[in-house]
């Protein structure tokens, strides 16, 4: 979520909470609506603790997915560069072709897949260059010991790359179910209503505003943090960027020059097939 929007939402919710408290305070008896303030404080402590524990569990769940997506993106980028190096030991008939398709794979991730993840439309679509890599590898006929070793290593790296890609895409779909969001919002509403019963006409306006405003602000910020972690690719604070894959793309371009890759790439700058 954008920082400006986060501040505006927190400010708006806090202002509404304070306005409601001051409105209720006008008709509230001295000492609040509770006859036994200590008992009410104890009940509020139970509500607040329960909400904090539940919110902490949800934050842990969301952050785990966030971290998994970040690690998946970095691992996938590393494996692409490693596969490029492995390809140089494969038979000459497929070496240049595999190298070029790896570059196209990287370009597709950066310029096509990442924007779709930002909008939440990545789905379960395959990277078309992963299919092209598979087809090219099928025609490879490794004969020498180095070629056979590279062939076996390539297969292992492909499996690892696909697993890393799965971890990256997993975060594009919100992992927190609607039932948890319902419980979070319901709990926040209960705490808000309960706080209104602490309205006390004998206390000052500033004290009453601080009483409910601080609670409203903390609860709102907590919900916004959960929302941000649940959507790691959406624009705003904490958004995951394709930095690792962009670095990999630079490395691949440099390595192509080193190994003398003169064969034209089968894709354009955005990874779309040029055939």
Protein backbone atom coordinates (compact mmCIF):
# COMPACT_ATOMS: atom_id res chain seq x y z
CA UNK A 1 0.00 0.00 0.00
CA UNK A 2 1.19 3.51 -0.81
CA UNK A 3 2.63 5.37 2.19
CA UNK A 4 0.44 8.41 1.61
CA UNK A 5 -2.70 6.29 1.48
CA UNK A 6 -1.64 4.43 4.61
CA UNK A 7 -1.21 7.70 6.49
CA UNK A 8 -4.52 9.03 5.21
CA UNK A 9 -6.42 5.88 6.14
CA UNK A 10 -4.86 5.76 9.62
CA UNK A 11 -5.61 9.43 10.17
CA UNK A 12 -9.18 9.09 8.94
CA UNK A 13 -9.95 6.04 11.08
CA UNK A 14 -8.39 7.67 14.13
CA UNK A 15 -10.36 10.87 13.55
CA UNK A 16 -13.63 8.95 13.21
CA UNK A 17 -12.89 7.01 16.40
CA UNK A 18 -12.15 10.21 18.32
CA UNK A 19 -15.28 11.89 16.97
CA UNK A 20 -17.42 8.93 18.08
CA UNK A 21 -15.85 8.94 21.53
CA UNK A 22 -16.42 12.66 22.02
CA UNK A 23 -19.99 12.32 20.79
CA UNK A 24 -20.72 9.51 23.26
CA UNK A 25 -18.91 11.44 26.01
CA UNK A 26 -21.53 14.21 25.93
CA UNK A 27 -24.15 11.94 27.54
CA UNK A 28 -21.79 9.63 29.38
CA UNK A 29 -21.98 9.53 33.19
CA UNK A 30 -19.00 10.42 35.31
CA UNK A 31 -16.63 7.51 35.62
CA UNK A 32 -17.73 5.92 32.30
CA UNK A 33 -20.65 3.58 31.62
CA UNK A 34 -19.00 0.85 33.67
CA UNK A 35 -19.84 0.66 37.36
CA UNK A 36 -16.69 -1.37 38.03
CA UNK A 37 -13.81 0.11 36.09
CA UNK A 38 -11.29 -2.53 37.20
CA UNK A 39 -13.49 -5.34 35.92
CA UNK A 40 -14.01 -3.55 32.61
CA UNK A 41 -10.27 -2.98 32.29
CA UNK A 42 -9.71 -6.69 32.87
CA UNK A 43 -12.17 -7.62 30.16
CA UNK A 44 -10.57 -5.14 27.78
CA UNK A 45 -7.18 -6.68 28.57
CA UNK A 46 -8.51 -10.08 27.51
CA UNK A 47 -9.93 -8.63 24.28
CA UNK A 48 -6.75 -6.73 23.46
CA UNK A 49 -4.51 -9.70 24.23
CA UNK A 50 -6.64 -12.03 22.15
CA UNK A 51 -6.57 -9.62 19.24
CA UNK A 52 -2.80 -9.12 19.55
CA UNK A 53 -2.11 -12.86 19.59
CA UNK A 54 -4.38 -13.51 16.62
CA UNK A 55 -2.99 -10.56 14.65
CA UNK A 56 0.54 -11.75 15.42
CA UNK A 57 -0.29 -15.18 14.06
CA UNK A 58 -1.68 -13.68 10.85
CA UNK A 59 1.35 -11.39 10.47
CA UNK A 60 3.63 -14.41 10.86
CA UNK A 61 1.65 -16.26 8.19
CA UNK A 62 1.78 -13.29 5.81
CA UNK A 63 5.47 -12.58 6.42
CA UNK A 64 6.36 -16.23 5.84
CA UNK A 65 4.75 -16.07 2.41
CA UNK A 66 6.37 -12.69 1.73
CA UNK A 67 9.81 -14.03 2.61
CA UNK A 68 9.21 -17.20 0.59
CA UNK A 69 8.36 -15.13 -2.48
CA UNK A 70 11.45 -12.97 -2.07
CA UNK A 71 13.75 -15.94 -1.62
CA UNK A 72 12.11 -17.71 -4.55
CA UNK A 73 12.74 -14.75 -6.84
CA UNK A 74 16.40 -14.51 -5.79
CA UNK A 75 16.97 -18.25 -6.11
CA UNK A 76 15.35 -18.37 -9.53
CA UNK A 77 17.59 -15.56 -10.77
CA UNK A 78 20.69 -17.31 -9.46
CA UNK A 79 19.73 -20.60 -11.07
CA UNK A 80 19.20 -18.95 -14.44
CA UNK A 81 22.77 -17.64 -14.44
CA UNK A 82 24.07 -21.02 -13.31
CA UNK A 83 22.18 -22.78 -16.08
CA UNK A 84 23.72 -20.42 -18.62
CA UNK A 85 27.16 -21.53 -17.46
CA UNK A 86 26.10 -25.18 -17.51
CA UNK A 87 24.84 -24.77 -21.07
CA UNK A 88 28.35 -23.98 -22.24
CA UNK A 89 29.34 -27.60 -21.55
CA UNK A 90 26.43 -29.12 -23.47
CA UNK A 91 26.70 -30.25 -27.10
CA UNK A 92 27.50 -27.49 -29.56
CA UNK A 93 24.25 -28.15 -31.44
CA UNK A 94 22.14 -26.82 -28.54
CA UNK A 95 24.60 -24.65 -26.63
CA UNK A 96 23.87 -21.30 -28.28
CA UNK A 97 20.16 -22.01 -28.55
CA UNK A 98 19.78 -22.80 -24.85
CA UNK A 99 21.83 -19.74 -23.91
CA UNK A 100 19.60 -17.46 -25.95
CA UNK A 101 16.40 -18.99 -24.59
CA UNK A 102 17.64 -18.44 -21.03
CA UNK A 103 18.07 -14.75 -21.79
CA UNK A 104 14.54 -14.66 -23.20
CA UNK A 105 13.26 -16.47 -20.10
CA UNK A 106 14.80 -13.78 -17.91
CA UNK A 107 13.40 -10.96 -20.02
CA UNK A 108 9.93 -12.49 -19.84
CA UNK A 109 10.06 -12.66 -16.04
CA UNK A 110 11.09 -9.02 -15.75
CA UNK A 111 8.90 -7.44 -18.41
CA UNK A 112 5.83 -9.69 -18.58
CA UNK A 113 5.42 -11.88 -15.52
CA UNK A 114 6.26 -9.24 -12.93
CA UNK A 115 3.65 -6.70 -14.13
CA UNK A 116 1.04 -9.48 -14.08
CA UNK A 117 2.00 -10.35 -10.51
CA UNK A 118 1.61 -6.70 -9.52
CA UNK A 119 -1.96 -6.74 -10.80
CA UNK A 120 -2.67 -10.20 -9.38
CA UNK A 121 -3.26 -11.79 -12.79
CA UNK A 122 -0.22 -14.07 -12.94
CA UNK A 123 -2.31 -17.19 -12.42
CA UNK A 124 -0.79 -20.56 -13.24
CA UNK A 125 0.55 -19.64 -16.68
CA UNK A 126 3.86 -21.10 -17.78
CA UNK A 127 6.81 -19.09 -18.91
CA UNK A 128 6.82 -19.90 -22.66
CA UNK A 129 10.61 -20.04 -22.70
CA UNK A 130 10.60 -22.79 -20.10
CA UNK A 131 8.77 -24.91 -22.67
CA UNK A 132 11.23 -23.84 -25.38
CA UNK A 133 14.16 -24.82 -23.15
CA UNK A 134 12.62 -28.25 -22.60
CA UNK A 135 12.13 -28.82 -26.31
CA UNK A 136 15.67 -27.76 -27.10
CA UNK A 137 17.13 -30.01 -24.45
CA UNK A 138 15.27 -33.01 -25.91
CA UNK A 139 17.32 -32.81 -29.09
CA UNK A 140 20.61 -32.73 -27.19
CA UNK A 141 22.72 -35.84 -27.59
CA UNK A 142 25.52 -35.72 -24.98
CA UNK A 143 28.35 -38.12 -25.77
CA UNK A 144 31.46 -37.06 -23.90
CA UNK A 145 31.76 -37.26 -20.11
CA UNK A 146 31.64 -33.46 -19.63
CA UNK A 147 28.54 -33.20 -21.83
CA UNK A 148 26.78 -35.97 -19.93
CA UNK A 149 27.67 -34.40 -16.59
CA UNK A 150 26.40 -31.02 -17.79
CA UNK A 151 23.20 -32.64 -19.07
CA UNK A 152 22.52 -34.21 -15.67
CA UNK A 153 23.35 -30.95 -13.89
CA UNK A 154 21.04 -29.03 -16.20
CA UNK A 155 18.12 -31.28 -15.28
CA UNK A 156 18.75 -30.75 -11.56
CA UNK A 157 18.98 -27.00 -12.02
CA UNK A 158 15.77 -26.98 -14.04
CA UNK A 159 13.89 -28.70 -11.22
CA UNK A 160 15.30 -26.24 -8.70
CA UNK A 161 14.44 -23.29 -10.95
CA UNK A 162 10.84 -24.44 -11.34
CA UNK A 163 10.50 -24.84 -7.59
CA UNK A 164 11.91 -21.36 -7.02
CA UNK A 165 9.51 -19.95 -9.61
CA UNK A 166 6.62 -21.62 -7.81
CA UNK A 167 7.67 -19.94 -4.56
CA UNK A 168 7.88 -16.58 -6.33
CA UNK A 169 4.44 -16.84 -7.89
CA UNK A 170 2.87 -18.19 -4.71
CA UNK A 171 3.00 -14.75 -3.14
CA UNK A 172 1.12 -13.17 -6.05
CA UNK A 173 -2.10 -14.76 -4.80
CA UNK A 174 -3.28 -13.49 -1.43
CA UNK A 175 -2.69 -16.26 1.11
CA UNK A 176 -4.77 -14.90 3.98
CA UNK A 177 -8.28 -16.35 3.58
CA UNK A 178 -11.37 -14.18 3.84
CA UNK A 179 -12.35 -15.93 7.08
CA UNK A 180 -9.24 -14.58 8.83
CA UNK A 181 -9.88 -11.09 7.51
CA UNK A 182 -13.44 -11.34 8.82
CA UNK A 183 -12.20 -12.30 12.28
CA UNK A 184 -9.63 -9.50 12.26
CA UNK A 185 -12.17 -6.85 11.27
CA UNK A 186 -14.80 -8.19 13.66
CA UNK A 187 -12.30 -8.19 16.53
CA UNK A 188 -11.25 -4.64 15.70
CA UNK A 189 -14.91 -3.58 15.68
CA UNK A 190 -15.55 -5.19 19.06
CA UNK A 191 -12.56 -3.42 20.58
CA UNK A 192 -13.72 -0.11 19.12
CA UNK A 193 -17.27 -0.45 20.51
CA UNK A 194 -15.94 -1.59 23.88
CA UNK A 195 -13.72 1.49 24.05
CA UNK A 196 -16.75 3.74 23.61
CA UNK A 197 -18.10 2.50 26.95
CA UNK A 198 -15.08 4.11 28.60
CA UNK A 199 -16.48 7.52 27.65
CA UNK A 200 -16.35 9.69 30.77
CA UNK A 201 -17.83 13.17 30.95
CA UNK A 202 -15.61 13.95 33.93
CA UNK A 203 -12.42 13.48 31.96
CA UNK A 204 -10.95 16.06 29.62
CA UNK A 205 -11.49 16.03 25.88
CA UNK A 206 -7.81 15.44 25.15
CA UNK A 207 -7.64 12.48 27.53
CA UNK A 208 -10.68 10.83 25.98
CA UNK A 209 -9.36 11.48 22.46
CA UNK A 210 -5.99 9.97 23.35
CA UNK A 211 -7.69 6.97 24.96
CA UNK A 212 -9.47 5.78 21.84
CA UNK A 213 -7.28 7.46 19.22
CA UNK A 214 -4.17 5.52 20.21
CA UNK A 215 -6.02 2.21 20.11
CA UNK A 216 -7.64 2.99 16.75
CA UNK A 217 -4.30 4.03 15.23
CA UNK A 218 -2.47 0.89 16.39
CA UNK A 219 -5.24 -1.45 15.21
CA UNK A 220 -5.43 0.29 11.83
CA UNK A 221 -1.68 0.20 11.27
CA UNK A 222 -1.64 -3.49 12.18
CA UNK A 223 -4.31 -4.25 9.57
CA UNK A 224 -2.45 -2.20 6.94
CA UNK A 225 0.78 -4.08 7.62
CA UNK A 226 -1.01 -7.41 7.21
CA UNK A 227 -2.54 -6.18 3.96
CA UNK A 228 0.88 -5.11 2.64
CA UNK A 229 2.51 -8.43 3.52
CA UNK A 230 -0.39 -10.34 1.98
CA UNK A 231 0.17 -8.60 -1.37
CA UNK A 232 3.97 -8.39 -1.75
CA UNK A 233 3.90 -7.48 -5.44
CA UNK A 234 1.36 -4.67 -5.31
CA UNK A 235 2.69 -1.12 -5.50
CA UNK A 236 3.50 0.48 -2.17
CA UNK A 237 5.59 -0.08 0.93
CA UNK A 238 7.55 -3.33 0.90
CA UNK A 239 6.78 -4.11 -2.75
CA UNK A 240 9.00 -6.84 -4.15
CA UNK A 241 10.86 -5.74 -7.26
CA UNK A 242 12.55 -7.91 -9.94
CA UNK A 243 15.95 -6.62 -8.85
CA UNK A 244 17.56 -10.07 -8.67
CA UNK A 245 16.31 -11.07 -12.12
CA UNK A 246 17.37 -7.72 -13.58
CA UNK A 247 20.88 -8.29 -12.22
CA UNK A 248 20.81 -11.79 -13.70
CA UNK A 249 19.84 -10.34 -17.06
CA UNK A 250 22.84 -8.00 -16.99
CA UNK A 251 25.11 -10.91 -16.08
CA UNK A 252 23.72 -13.05 -18.90
CA UNK A 253 24.30 -10.30 -21.45
CA UNK A 254 27.89 -9.95 -20.30
CA UNK A 255 28.46 -13.71 -20.34
CA UNK A 256 27.08 -13.94 -23.88
CA UNK A 257 29.76 -11.52 -24.98
CA UNK A 258 32.45 -13.49 -23.15
CA UNK A 259 31.49 -16.83 -24.72
CA UNK A 260 31.03 -15.24 -28.12
CA UNK A 261 27.29 -15.59 -28.43
CA UNK A 262 26.73 -14.13 -31.88
CA UNK A 263 23.50 -15.99 -32.65
CA UNK A 264 20.52 -13.56 -32.67
CA UNK A 265 18.19 -13.98 -29.71
CA UNK A 266 14.80 -15.55 -30.47
CA UNK A 267 12.97 -12.77 -28.62
CA UNK A 268 12.71 -9.01 -28.40
CA UNK A 269 13.66 -6.81 -25.45
CA UNK A 270 10.49 -7.69 -23.52
CA UNK A 271 10.88 -11.44 -24.00
CA UNK A 272 8.27 -11.88 -26.71
CA UNK A 273 9.12 -14.37 -29.46
CA UNK A 274 10.53 -12.74 -32.56
CA UNK A 275 10.04 -15.84 -34.69
